[in-house]
Amino acid sequence: MGRPTVLADTFVIEPKSNFDPRTSIHSVDDGSPNPAQGSTIQLFESEPSPEEQQWRPGVCDWLVFICIVILAMMDAFDAAVLIPVLPELANSFDEPLANALWVNTAYLVFSAGSQLFFTMMCEVFSHGPVWIVAVVFTTIGTGICSGAMSLTELIIGRLVQGIGGGGAMSLCFVIMAESAPESIHSRYSCYIMLTRLIGTIVGPIIGGLFVDFAHWTWAFYFNFIFCALSLLVIPFAVDLRVSKNIPLRKLRILDWSGATMAFLGPGIILVGLNWAGSVYRWNEWQTMMPIAVGVAIFIAMVFYESNGALHPQFGVRVFRTRATVMTYVGCFLHGFVIYCQLQFLTFYFMSTKYFSTALSGVSLFAITGIAIIPAALVGIILARESQCSKWIISGGWLLIVLASGCSILLDSTTPTIGWVFLFFSAGLGHGLLLSSYNIRIHNIPKEEGISLPTKPTTIANLMRAWGMAFAIPVGGVIFLNRLGYELHSIGLKYDLINTAKGYIILMDQVRMAEGQREAVQDASAMALQVVWEVITCVAALGGLSSAFLWKKKE
């Protein structure tokens, strides 16, 4: 039997066909399980549990899995494809690099902010219509980006694309939880993480190749492949019918206000941070006001969730133990570290090594490609060994702290073997953290009647998404402010960080004396050193948060 996803004592229980989330997932195996029927392909490496032995995925179950794989890869691809392309965008639209950073920031912020809204809509409507709406948003956003004639239009397209990508990604975990036995959720979500890693690998490579050998708009044309496949498969995998009787009571009591404040608070803070030092000075009101308003909204959200919300999104039921809180904090910090490294290591290659855009994107494979190995081994083989997760989390953070600390030594003279070894270490750490946090999340004690937006998988994915959203504005303001200072120290104008557009990174395309070119390379390396120091401190905080997971009892 299905179970309601909102507190049973709040709602009038409705017929299963209108309320139970499982009914939106078709299966040819409805009825009593028969081992002789259905697919015999196994998703597992170790000995399956009795529940797994009884469950056999049918045709539509595999179609659901294919949809999840496509959409998870699409979201990761969209988030990563423009990582090496930002300097070229600044040059193409004749905009400062600080403004071009918003192309990625807009996607990540709206991707994170939309997740709670789409998950809550699943409490009222069935999964199918909400899922297809998310893909339609992504398709529309991709179309806007493909035809963008200005940076503003491109950012608008990216935020629409982010709404769809975040919504589709959040529903992947929801539908996974409702369509498969609970005993395989850890392994199932590991496959989702692996497909996201593949999207993160392919994204920068495709983006760099299109910039060097075609045009950056082809990165968005390529994304239509994901959109088309999703729109083709989803109607065959899930029920797209909407209930005729939409329960308005559920709409009223869901925590829409909390989700809105959780989106507006961090989003407005990031606007102020992105402007600080590059567009406006730190002490100007254009910088201070967004930060102050964002902080005020965040404080108001804390009071509202503590006292005013009927069913709080961020209440005590969600953050009920110290270990659970530290797990979510670790997910946030990991999202920040991994995306900050990917973005600014690309800038390192372009500004100090003078790598091409394509080669810069390919070089990131040393991190993302190697991460697949530990993520797969730990996530699949040790899926049921929750006691091992704390060891692996601590070990992963240790590797990332060491790799980030060694990044401070990177400059124009660093040999290839040096940065490749450093990237391998970081990739191993990221792979271990992705899989071990996944195991940890799926072993958090569950409460009866918990709603979809407050499930551990939903909150963990949300926290990691917000960590990624903070990475570019925070790293960007540090890098650009420090770079302006370093340029001023060698006799160049501080405002060069704005007037040079994307050429502040692509200095190999600017005519200058050899000695001055080397000075600019050193200035860029010095500015990036501050970014590596910040990443190291954040990774150290992540390692410190893992210490709270060693409690014997939660």
Protein backbone atom coordinates (compact mmCIF):
# COMPACT_ATOMS: atom_id res chain seq x y z
CA MET A 1 0.00 0.00 0.00
CA GLY A 2 1.16 3.54 -0.61
CA ARG A 3 1.60 6.04 2.17
CA PRO A 4 0.62 9.71 2.20
CA THR A 5 3.52 12.11 2.00
CA VAL A 6 1.90 14.85 4.08
CA LEU A 7 0.91 14.39 7.70
CA ALA A 8 -2.08 12.07 7.85
CA ASP A 9 -3.66 13.96 10.72
CA THR A 10 -3.80 17.15 8.65
CA PHE A 11 -5.48 15.94 5.49
CA VAL A 12 -8.54 13.96 4.75
CA ILE A 13 -7.34 10.69 3.29
CA GLU A 14 -8.38 10.47 -0.34
CA PRO A 15 -8.61 7.49 -2.65
CA LYS A 16 -5.28 6.09 -3.70
CA SER A 17 -5.82 6.98 -7.33
CA ASN A 18 -5.87 10.68 -6.42
CA PHE A 19 -3.36 10.90 -3.61
CA ASP A 20 -0.77 8.16 -3.45
CA PRO A 21 2.38 9.27 -5.30
CA ARG A 22 3.08 5.72 -6.43
CA THR A 23 0.05 5.74 -8.73
CA SER A 24 1.75 8.17 -11.08
CA ILE A 25 4.35 5.54 -11.89
CA HIS A 26 3.16 2.93 -14.35
CA SER A 27 4.32 -0.64 -13.89
CA VAL A 28 3.53 -3.77 -15.82
CA ASP A 29 4.15 -5.73 -12.64
CA ASP A 30 1.21 -4.33 -10.66
CA GLY A 31 -0.26 -7.05 -8.56
CA SER A 32 1.51 -9.86 -6.77
CA PRO A 33 5.16 -10.22 -7.71
CA ASN A 34 6.06 -13.12 -9.92
CA PRO A 35 9.77 -13.93 -10.23
CA ALA A 36 9.17 -15.52 -13.60
CA GLN A 37 7.89 -12.27 -15.08
CA GLY A 38 9.55 -8.97 -15.91
CA SER A 39 13.18 -8.15 -16.36
CA THR A 40 15.84 -10.32 -14.82
CA ILE A 41 18.54 -7.67 -15.04
CA GLN A 42 19.98 -6.92 -11.60
CA LEU A 43 20.95 -3.44 -10.44
CA PHE A 44 23.00 -4.77 -7.55
CA GLU A 45 26.48 -6.11 -7.01
CA SER A 46 26.07 -7.65 -3.56
CA GLU A 47 23.57 -10.20 -2.24
CA PRO A 48 20.07 -8.70 -2.58
CA SER A 49 17.72 -8.47 0.37
CA PRO A 50 14.40 -10.40 0.44
CA GLU A 51 12.59 -7.22 -0.59
CA GLU A 52 14.92 -6.83 -3.56
CA GLN A 53 14.47 -10.47 -4.53
CA GLN A 54 10.69 -9.98 -4.68
CA TRP A 55 10.91 -6.76 -6.68
CA ARG A 56 11.52 -7.07 -10.40
CA PRO A 57 11.64 -3.85 -12.44
CA GLY A 58 9.14 -3.90 -15.27
CA VAL A 59 9.27 -2.11 -18.59
CA CYS A 60 7.89 1.15 -17.22
CA ASP A 61 10.20 0.95 -14.21
CA TRP A 62 13.12 0.89 -16.63
CA LEU A 63 11.60 3.79 -18.56
CA VAL A 64 11.39 5.76 -15.32
CA PHE A 65 15.03 4.93 -14.64
CA ILE A 66 16.00 6.08 -18.15
CA CYS A 67 14.12 9.37 -17.61
CA ILE A 68 15.91 9.92 -14.32
CA VAL A 69 19.30 9.24 -15.92
CA ILE A 70 18.62 11.63 -18.81
CA LEU A 71 17.38 14.46 -16.59
CA ALA A 72 20.13 14.06 -13.98
CA MET A 73 22.75 14.19 -16.72
CA MET A 74 21.02 17.16 -18.35
CA ASP A 75 21.01 19.22 -15.14
CA ALA A 76 24.70 18.51 -14.49
CA PHE A 77 25.56 19.26 -18.13
CA ASP A 78 23.72 22.59 -18.04
CA ALA A 79 25.45 23.57 -14.80
CA ALA A 80 28.94 22.77 -16.15
CA VAL A 81 28.86 23.42 -19.89
CA LEU A 82 29.64 27.16 -19.65
CA ILE A 83 32.42 26.85 -17.07
CA PRO A 84 35.20 27.41 -19.66
CA VAL A 85 33.03 29.66 -21.86
CA LEU A 86 32.54 32.67 -19.54
CA PRO A 87 35.54 34.74 -20.77
CA GLU A 88 34.39 34.26 -24.37
CA LEU A 89 30.87 35.38 -23.40
CA ALA A 90 32.27 38.54 -21.80
CA ASN A 91 34.12 39.34 -25.02
CA SER A 92 31.21 38.45 -27.32
CA PHE A 93 28.76 40.72 -25.49
CA ASP A 94 31.35 43.38 -24.55
CA GLU A 95 30.54 43.05 -20.85
CA PRO A 96 32.77 42.89 -17.75
CA LEU A 97 33.74 39.42 -16.60
CA ALA A 98 31.92 40.08 -13.31
CA ASN A 99 28.66 40.38 -15.25
CA ALA A 100 29.41 37.28 -17.31
CA LEU A 101 29.74 35.26 -14.10
CA TRP A 102 25.98 35.73 -13.68
CA VAL A 103 25.38 33.42 -16.63
CA ASN A 104 26.31 30.47 -14.43
CA THR A 105 25.20 32.01 -11.14
CA ALA A 106 21.66 32.59 -12.46
CA TYR A 107 21.31 28.95 -13.44
CA LEU A 108 22.59 27.65 -10.10
CA VAL A 109 20.55 30.06 -7.94
CA PHE A 110 17.25 29.38 -9.70
CA SER A 111 18.02 25.67 -9.90
CA ALA A 112 18.45 25.55 -6.13
CA GLY A 113 15.49 27.86 -5.46
CA SER A 114 13.04 25.94 -7.64
CA GLN A 115 13.62 22.54 -6.04
CA LEU A 116 11.37 23.06 -3.01
CA PHE A 117 8.53 24.48 -5.11
CA PHE A 118 8.50 21.55 -7.53
CA THR A 119 8.74 19.06 -4.68
CA MET A 120 5.81 20.69 -2.89
CA MET A 121 3.75 20.66 -6.07
CA CYS A 122 4.15 16.88 -6.04
CA GLU A 123 2.20 16.89 -2.78
CA VAL A 124 -0.81 18.26 -4.65
CA PHE A 125 -0.48 17.07 -8.22
CA SER A 126 0.84 13.77 -9.50
CA HIS A 127 4.49 13.48 -10.48
CA GLY A 128 4.00 13.24 -14.23
CA PRO A 129 2.55 16.71 -14.98
CA VAL A 130 5.05 18.42 -12.67
CA TRP A 131 7.96 16.54 -14.23
CA ILE A 132 6.92 17.43 -17.77
CA VAL A 133 6.48 21.10 -16.76
CA ALA A 134 10.07 21.13 -15.46
CA VAL A 135 11.37 19.78 -18.76
CA VAL A 136 9.31 22.34 -20.69
CA PHE A 137 10.90 25.12 -18.61
CA THR A 138 14.34 23.73 -19.47
CA THR A 139 13.48 23.57 -23.17
CA ILE A 140 12.16 27.14 -23.21
CA GLY A 141 15.22 28.40 -21.35
CA THR A 142 17.52 26.58 -23.75
CA GLY A 143 15.72 28.18 -26.69
CA ILE A 144 16.11 31.66 -25.17
CA CYS A 145 19.82 31.05 -24.58
CA SER A 146 20.31 29.78 -28.13
CA GLY A 147 18.91 32.97 -29.62
CA ALA A 148 20.25 35.45 -27.04
CA MET A 149 21.53 38.69 -28.59
CA SER A 150 22.73 40.23 -25.33
CA LEU A 151 24.10 39.10 -22.00
CA THR A 152 20.84 40.10 -20.29
CA GLU A 153 18.84 37.83 -22.60
CA LEU A 154 21.30 35.00 -21.99
CA ILE A 155 20.98 35.40 -18.21
CA ILE A 156 17.17 35.38 -18.48
CA GLY A 157 17.36 32.21 -20.52
CA ARG A 158 19.70 30.64 -17.99
CA LEU A 159 17.41 31.40 -15.05
CA VAL A 160 14.44 29.85 -16.90
CA GLN A 161 16.65 26.89 -17.74
CA GLY A 162 17.69 26.68 -14.08
CA ILE A 163 14.07 26.58 -12.90
CA GLY A 164 13.46 23.57 -15.10
CA GLY A 165 16.76 21.86 -14.36
CA GLY A 166 16.39 22.18 -10.59
CA GLY A 167 12.78 21.03 -10.69
CA ALA A 168 13.58 18.03 -12.86
CA MET A 169 16.52 17.07 -10.64
CA SER A 170 14.51 17.29 -7.41
CA LEU A 171 11.77 15.10 -8.88
CA CYS A 172 14.33 12.48 -9.87
CA PHE A 173 14.89 11.68 -6.19
CA VAL A 174 11.18 11.92 -5.36
CA ILE A 175 10.17 9.52 -8.12
CA MET A 176 13.04 7.20 -7.25
CA ALA A 177 11.81 7.04 -3.65
CA GLU A 178 8.25 6.26 -4.72
CA SER A 179 8.92 3.78 -7.52
CA ALA A 180 11.54 1.45 -6.02
CA PRO A 181 11.88 -0.51 -2.74
CA GLU A 182 13.44 1.46 0.07
CA SER A 183 16.24 -1.09 0.45
CA ILE A 184 17.75 -0.10 -2.92
CA HIS A 185 17.35 3.68 -2.62
CA SER A 186 20.98 4.15 -1.65
CA ARG A 187 22.26 2.29 -4.71
CA TYR A 188 19.63 3.85 -6.96
CA SER A 189 20.62 7.37 -5.94
CA CYS A 190 24.26 6.40 -6.42
CA TYR A 191 23.47 5.72 -10.08
CA ILE A 192 21.90 9.18 -10.24
CA MET A 193 25.08 10.70 -8.80
CA LEU A 194 27.21 8.80 -11.32
CA THR A 195 25.14 10.10 -14.24
CA ARG A 196 25.50 13.61 -12.85
CA LEU A 197 29.26 13.10 -12.78
CA ILE A 198 29.14 12.06 -16.43
CA GLY A 199 27.22 15.24 -17.23
CA THR A 200 29.83 17.27 -15.34
CA ILE A 201 32.59 15.57 -17.35
CA VAL A 202 30.95 16.09 -20.73
CA GLY A 203 29.78 19.68 -20.09
CA PRO A 204 33.11 21.58 -19.96
CA ILE A 205 34.57 19.47 -22.78
CA ILE A 206 31.62 20.12 -25.10
CA GLY A 207 31.51 23.81 -24.18
CA GLY A 208 35.23 24.30 -24.78
CA LEU A 209 35.20 22.45 -28.10
CA PHE A 210 32.28 24.47 -29.44
CA VAL A 211 33.93 27.78 -28.47
CA ASP A 212 37.21 26.90 -30.20
CA PHE A 213 35.84 25.16 -33.29
CA ALA A 214 32.30 26.48 -33.79
CA HIS A 215 30.31 28.97 -31.67
CA TRP A 216 29.23 29.02 -28.04
CA THR A 217 25.54 28.81 -29.03
CA TRP A 218 26.13 25.21 -30.09
CA ALA A 219 26.49 24.32 -26.41
CA PHE A 220 22.78 25.10 -26.08
CA TYR A 221 21.83 23.42 -29.34
CA PHE A 222 23.47 20.29 -27.95
CA ASN A 223 21.23 20.51 -24.88
CA PHE A 224 18.14 20.10 -27.06
CA ILE A 225 19.14 16.43 -27.32
CA PHE A 226 18.45 15.97 -23.60
CA CYS A 227 15.22 17.94 -23.83
CA ALA A 228 13.94 15.93 -26.80
CA LEU A 229 14.78 12.57 -25.22
CA SER A 230 13.07 13.58 -21.97
CA LEU A 231 9.91 14.79 -23.69
CA LEU A 232 9.86 11.58 -25.71
CA VAL A 233 10.27 9.09 -22.85
CA ILE A 234 8.37 10.74 -19.95
CA PRO A 235 4.86 10.20 -21.43
CA PHE A 236 5.57 6.46 -21.65
CA ALA A 237 7.04 6.26 -18.14
CA VAL A 238 4.68 8.23 -15.90
CA ASP A 239 1.02 9.16 -15.83
CA LEU A 240 0.51 12.70 -17.13
CA ARG A 241 -3.12 12.94 -16.01
CA VAL A 242 -3.98 15.53 -13.35
CA SER A 243 -6.58 14.78 -10.69
CA LYS A 244 -9.90 16.52 -11.38
CA ASN A 245 -10.29 17.36 -7.68
CA ILE A 246 -7.25 19.39 -6.67
CA PRO A 247 -7.20 19.57 -2.84
CA LEU A 248 -6.97 23.29 -2.09
CA ARG A 249 -6.42 22.58 1.60
CA LYS A 250 -3.07 21.01 0.82
CA LEU A 251 -2.09 24.03 -1.26
CA ARG A 252 -2.82 26.34 1.68
CA ILE A 253 -0.86 24.55 4.40
CA LEU A 254 2.33 23.75 2.50
CA ASP A 255 5.25 25.98 3.44
CA TRP A 256 5.28 28.22 0.37
CA SER A 257 6.38 31.23 2.44
CA GLY A 258 9.35 29.38 3.88
CA ALA A 259 10.43 28.16 0.45
CA THR A 260 10.12 31.69 -0.96
CA MET A 261 12.24 33.21 1.80
CA ALA A 262 14.77 30.38 1.47
CA PHE A 263 15.14 31.37 -2.19
CA LEU A 264 15.06 35.17 -1.87
CA GLY A 265 17.41 35.48 1.12
CA PRO A 266 20.49 33.76 -0.32
CA GLY A 267 19.71 34.99 -3.84
CA ILE A 268 19.71 38.68 -2.86
CA ILE A 269 22.87 38.21 -0.78
CA LEU A 270 24.60 36.78 -3.85
CA VAL A 271 23.58 39.84 -5.90
CA GLY A 272 25.38 42.10 -3.43
CA LEU A 273 28.44 39.87 -3.28
CA ASN A 274 28.70 39.70 -7.06
CA TRP A 275 28.68 43.50 -7.34
CA ALA A 276 31.11 44.10 -4.47
CA GLY A 277 34.46 45.55 -5.48
CA SER A 278 34.06 45.03 -9.22
CA VAL A 279 30.85 46.81 -10.24
CA TYR A 280 30.47 48.94 -7.08
CA ARG A 281 32.75 49.64 -4.15
CA TRP A 282 32.22 47.71 -0.93
CA ASN A 283 31.06 50.81 0.98
CA GLU A 284 28.49 51.93 -1.61
CA TRP A 285 24.79 51.41 -0.97
CA GLN A 286 24.37 49.33 -4.14
CA THR A 287 26.56 46.69 -2.50
CA MET A 288 25.48 46.98 1.11
CA MET A 289 21.71 47.10 0.58
CA PRO A 290 21.28 43.72 -1.18
CA ILE A 291 23.45 42.00 1.41
CA ALA A 292 21.52 43.62 4.29
CA VAL A 293 18.13 42.81 2.74
CA GLY A 294 19.16 39.21 2.10
CA VAL A 295 20.37 38.75 5.67
CA ALA A 296 17.13 40.30 7.00
CA ILE A 297 15.03 37.88 4.90
CA PHE A 298 17.10 34.97 6.14
CA ILE A 299 16.62 36.02 9.78
CA ALA A 300 12.89 36.47 9.16
CA MET A 301 12.77 32.96 7.71
CA VAL A 302 14.36 31.52 10.85
CA PHE A 303 11.74 33.20 13.08
CA TYR A 304 8.90 32.22 10.75
CA GLU A 305 9.98 28.59 10.57
CA SER A 306 10.36 28.47 14.35
CA ASN A 307 7.04 30.07 15.25
CA GLY A 308 4.71 30.87 12.35
CA ALA A 309 4.83 28.01 9.86
CA LEU A 310 2.11 25.37 10.14
CA HIS A 311 4.34 22.70 8.63
CA PRO A 312 7.82 24.27 8.54
CA GLN A 313 10.17 23.34 5.75
CA PHE A 314 13.20 23.90 7.96
CA GLY A 315 11.80 22.93 11.35
CA VAL A 316 13.05 20.77 14.19
CA ARG A 317 11.81 17.62 12.47
CA VAL A 318 14.29 18.22 9.64
CA PHE A 319 17.29 19.29 11.73
CA ARG A 320 16.55 17.11 14.74
CA THR A 321 20.07 15.91 15.65
CA ARG A 322 23.52 17.44 15.55
CA ALA A 323 24.80 14.71 13.24
CA THR A 324 21.95 15.33 10.78
CA VAL A 325 22.65 19.07 10.76
CA MET A 326 26.36 18.46 10.16
CA THR A 327 25.52 16.08 7.33
CA TYR A 328 23.53 18.80 5.58
CA VAL A 329 26.26 21.36 6.31
CA GLY A 330 28.80 18.98 4.79
CA CYS A 331 26.69 18.68 1.63
CA PHE A 332 26.55 22.49 1.35
CA LEU A 333 30.30 22.88 1.84
CA HIS A 334 31.06 20.10 -0.63
CA GLY A 335 28.87 21.72 -3.28
CA PHE A 336 30.75 24.99 -2.75
CA VAL A 337 34.20 23.40 -2.95
CA ILE A 338 33.64 21.23 -6.03
CA TYR A 339 32.09 23.97 -8.17
CA CYS A 340 34.54 26.63 -7.02
CA GLN A 341 37.43 24.36 -7.96
CA LEU A 342 36.00 23.55 -11.39
CA GLN A 343 35.35 27.21 -12.26
CA PHE A 344 38.56 28.78 -11.01
CA LEU A 345 40.91 25.99 -12.04
CA THR A 346 39.61 26.72 -15.54
CA PHE A 347 40.55 30.37 -15.04
CA TYR A 348 43.97 29.22 -13.84
CA PHE A 349 44.59 27.30 -17.06
CA MET A 350 43.47 30.22 -19.23
CA SER A 351 45.16 33.07 -17.37
CA THR A 352 48.46 31.53 -16.26
CA LYS A 353 49.00 28.51 -18.54
CA TYR A 354 47.38 30.13 -21.60
CA PHE A 355 45.49 26.94 -22.40
CA SER A 356 42.80 27.12 -25.05
CA THR A 357 39.16 26.95 -24.00
CA ALA A 358 38.86 23.37 -25.24
CA LEU A 359 42.03 22.21 -23.50
CA SER A 360 40.95 23.91 -20.27
CA GLY A 361 37.66 22.00 -20.36
CA VAL A 362 39.41 18.71 -21.11
CA SER A 363 41.88 19.28 -18.25
CA LEU A 364 39.03 19.19 -15.73
CA PHE A 365 38.60 15.52 -16.63
CA ALA A 366 41.50 14.85 -14.25
CA ILE A 367 39.10 15.78 -11.41
CA THR A 368 35.68 14.72 -12.60
CA GLY A 369 36.78 11.60 -14.46
CA ILE A 370 38.73 10.13 -11.57
CA ALA A 371 35.85 10.90 -9.18
CA ILE A 372 33.68 8.27 -10.87
CA ILE A 373 35.87 5.40 -9.67
CA PRO A 374 35.58 5.90 -5.87
CA ALA A 375 31.98 7.11 -6.22
CA ALA A 376 30.98 3.88 -7.97
CA LEU A 377 32.98 1.54 -5.75
CA VAL A 378 31.82 3.05 -2.47
CA GLY A 379 28.27 3.88 -3.52
CA ILE A 380 27.46 0.44 -4.91
CA ILE A 381 29.54 -1.99 -2.88
CA LEU A 382 29.16 -0.29 0.51
CA ALA A 383 25.58 0.94 0.07
CA ARG A 384 24.36 -0.90 3.18
CA GLU A 385 27.45 -0.27 5.30
CA SER A 386 26.35 2.97 6.94
CA GLN A 387 28.98 2.64 9.67
CA CYS A 388 31.70 3.02 7.03
CA SER A 389 30.34 6.34 5.80
CA LYS A 390 31.89 8.42 8.59
CA TRP A 391 35.34 7.01 7.83
CA ILE A 392 34.96 7.69 4.13
CA ILE A 393 33.58 11.21 4.67
CA SER A 394 36.51 12.14 6.89
CA GLY A 395 38.97 10.59 4.44
CA GLY A 396 37.39 12.43 1.51
CA TRP A 397 37.62 15.78 3.27
CA LEU A 398 41.25 15.07 4.18
CA LEU A 399 42.13 14.49 0.53
CA ILE A 400 40.35 17.67 -0.54
CA VAL A 401 42.04 19.75 2.17
CA LEU A 402 45.44 18.47 1.04
CA ALA A 403 44.66 19.05 -2.64
CA SER A 404 43.26 22.54 -1.99
CA GLY A 405 46.22 23.44 0.19
CA CYS A 406 48.66 22.31 -2.49
CA SER A 407 46.73 24.39 -5.05
CA ILE A 408 48.15 27.49 -3.39
CA LEU A 409 51.49 26.56 -4.99
CA LEU A 410 50.08 26.62 -8.54
CA ASP A 411 51.63 29.18 -10.88
CA SER A 412 52.73 29.49 -14.51
CA THR A 413 55.76 27.24 -13.93
CA THR A 414 53.88 24.31 -12.37
CA PRO A 415 54.67 21.17 -14.43
CA THR A 416 51.87 19.11 -15.92
CA ILE A 417 52.58 16.10 -13.71
CA GLY A 418 52.22 18.38 -10.68
CA TRP A 419 48.73 19.68 -11.37
CA VAL A 420 47.54 16.32 -12.73
CA PHE A 421 48.53 14.58 -9.49
CA LEU A 422 46.85 17.35 -7.51
CA PHE A 423 43.66 16.99 -9.57
CA PHE A 424 43.65 13.22 -9.11
CA SER A 425 43.78 13.71 -5.34
CA ALA A 426 40.91 16.20 -5.44
CA GLY A 427 38.88 13.90 -7.71
CA LEU A 428 39.33 10.95 -5.35
CA GLY A 429 38.17 13.11 -2.46
CA HIS A 430 35.09 14.36 -4.32
CA GLY A 431 34.14 10.84 -5.40
CA LEU A 432 34.40 9.58 -1.83
CA LEU A 433 32.30 12.45 -0.49
CA LEU A 434 29.55 12.10 -3.10
CA SER A 435 29.04 8.42 -2.38
CA SER A 436 29.56 8.48 1.38
CA TYR A 437 27.20 11.42 1.98
CA ASN A 438 24.68 9.58 -0.19
CA ILE A 439 24.97 6.50 2.05
CA ARG A 440 24.74 8.67 5.14
CA ILE A 441 21.61 10.47 3.92
CA HIS A 442 19.78 7.24 3.20
CA ASN A 443 20.53 5.91 6.68
CA ILE A 444 19.16 8.91 8.57
CA PRO A 445 16.29 7.64 10.77
CA LYS A 446 12.99 8.33 9.04
CA GLU A 447 9.78 9.57 10.60
CA GLU A 448 6.30 8.47 9.63
CA GLY A 449 4.22 10.94 7.65
CA ILE A 450 7.13 13.17 6.68
CA SER A 451 6.39 15.29 3.61
CA LEU A 452 8.35 15.11 0.37
CA PRO A 453 10.07 18.53 0.76
CA THR A 454 11.47 17.55 4.17
CA LYS A 455 12.87 14.15 3.22
CA PRO A 456 16.63 13.81 3.84
CA THR A 457 17.36 13.26 0.13
CA THR A 458 15.48 16.46 -0.77
CA ILE A 459 17.24 18.58 1.85
CA ALA A 460 20.69 17.16 1.08
CA ASN A 461 20.30 17.79 -2.65
CA LEU A 462 19.03 21.31 -1.88
CA MET A 463 21.99 22.10 0.37
CA ARG A 464 24.52 20.87 -2.19
CA ALA A 465 22.80 22.96 -4.88
CA TRP A 466 22.98 26.10 -2.74
CA GLY A 467 26.64 25.41 -2.03
CA MET A 468 27.28 25.35 -5.77
CA ALA A 469 25.26 28.57 -6.18
CA PHE A 470 27.45 30.38 -3.64
CA ALA A 471 30.69 29.18 -5.25
CA ILE A 472 30.89 31.51 -8.25
CA PRO A 473 29.83 34.83 -6.61
CA VAL A 474 32.05 34.28 -3.56
CA GLY A 475 35.00 33.01 -5.56
CA GLY A 476 34.45 35.65 -8.24
CA VAL A 477 34.46 38.61 -5.87
CA ILE A 478 37.63 37.32 -4.20
CA PHE A 479 39.40 36.67 -7.49
CA LEU A 480 38.45 39.91 -9.25
CA ASN A 481 39.14 42.16 -6.25
CA ARG A 482 42.51 40.58 -5.62
CA LEU A 483 43.38 40.60 -9.32
CA GLY A 484 42.60 44.32 -9.52
CA TYR A 485 44.90 44.93 -6.55
CA GLU A 486 47.71 42.85 -8.10
CA LEU A 487 47.37 44.62 -11.46
CA HIS A 488 47.52 47.99 -9.73
CA SER A 489 50.71 46.89 -7.94
CA ILE A 490 52.47 46.27 -11.29
CA GLY A 491 51.48 49.65 -12.69
CA LEU A 492 48.22 48.78 -14.46
CA LYS A 493 44.82 50.29 -13.74
CA TYR A 494 42.60 48.58 -11.16
CA ASP A 495 39.60 49.10 -13.43
CA LEU A 496 41.23 46.78 -15.97
CA ILE A 497 39.21 43.94 -14.43
CA ASN A 498 36.11 45.59 -15.92
CA THR A 499 37.40 47.31 -19.06
CA ALA A 500 39.36 44.28 -20.31
CA LYS A 501 36.16 42.16 -20.40
CA GLY A 502 37.03 38.49 -20.83
CA TYR A 503 40.53 39.32 -22.00
CA ILE A 504 41.48 39.69 -18.35
CA ILE A 505 41.62 35.89 -18.51
CA LEU A 506 42.60 35.46 -22.18
CA MET A 507 45.72 37.66 -21.95
CA ASP A 508 47.49 35.55 -24.56
CA GLN A 509 45.28 37.31 -27.13
CA VAL A 510 46.41 40.79 -26.01
CA ARG A 511 49.54 42.45 -27.39
CA MET A 512 52.03 43.40 -24.68
CA ALA A 513 55.71 43.21 -23.83
CA GLU A 514 56.99 39.83 -22.68
CA GLY A 515 57.97 41.14 -19.25
CA GLN A 516 54.56 42.70 -18.76
CA ARG A 517 52.87 39.48 -19.88
CA GLU A 518 54.78 37.52 -17.24
CA ALA A 519 53.82 40.12 -14.63
CA VAL A 520 50.13 39.72 -15.54
CA GLN A 521 50.49 35.94 -15.33
CA ASP A 522 51.99 36.26 -11.86
CA ALA A 523 49.24 38.69 -10.82
CA SER A 524 46.59 36.19 -11.91
CA ALA A 525 48.35 33.37 -10.05
CA MET A 526 48.55 35.52 -6.90
CA ALA A 527 44.84 36.38 -7.12
CA LEU A 528 43.94 32.72 -7.53
CA GLN A 529 46.07 31.84 -4.51
CA VAL A 530 43.60 33.72 -2.33
CA VAL A 531 40.77 31.69 -3.88
CA TRP A 532 42.65 28.45 -3.12
CA GLU A 533 43.16 29.61 0.47
CA VAL A 534 39.43 30.23 0.88
CA ILE A 535 38.62 26.83 -0.64
CA THR A 536 41.09 25.20 1.76
CA CYS A 537 39.42 26.88 4.73
CA VAL A 538 35.97 25.79 3.54
CA ALA A 539 37.24 22.23 3.05
CA ALA A 540 38.71 22.32 6.55
CA LEU A 541 35.28 23.33 7.87
CA GLY A 542 33.86 20.35 6.00
CA GLY A 543 36.37 18.09 7.67
CA LEU A 544 35.46 19.60 11.03
CA SER A 545 31.77 18.97 10.37
CA SER A 546 32.54 15.29 9.72
CA ALA A 547 33.86 15.00 13.28
CA PHE A 548 30.28 15.35 14.55
CA LEU A 549 29.30 12.22 12.63
CA TRP A 550 31.39 10.05 14.94
CA LYS A 551 28.83 10.06 17.74
CA LYS A 552 27.83 6.53 18.67
CA LYS A 553 24.21 7.52 19.18
CA GLU A 554 22.18 10.13 17.41
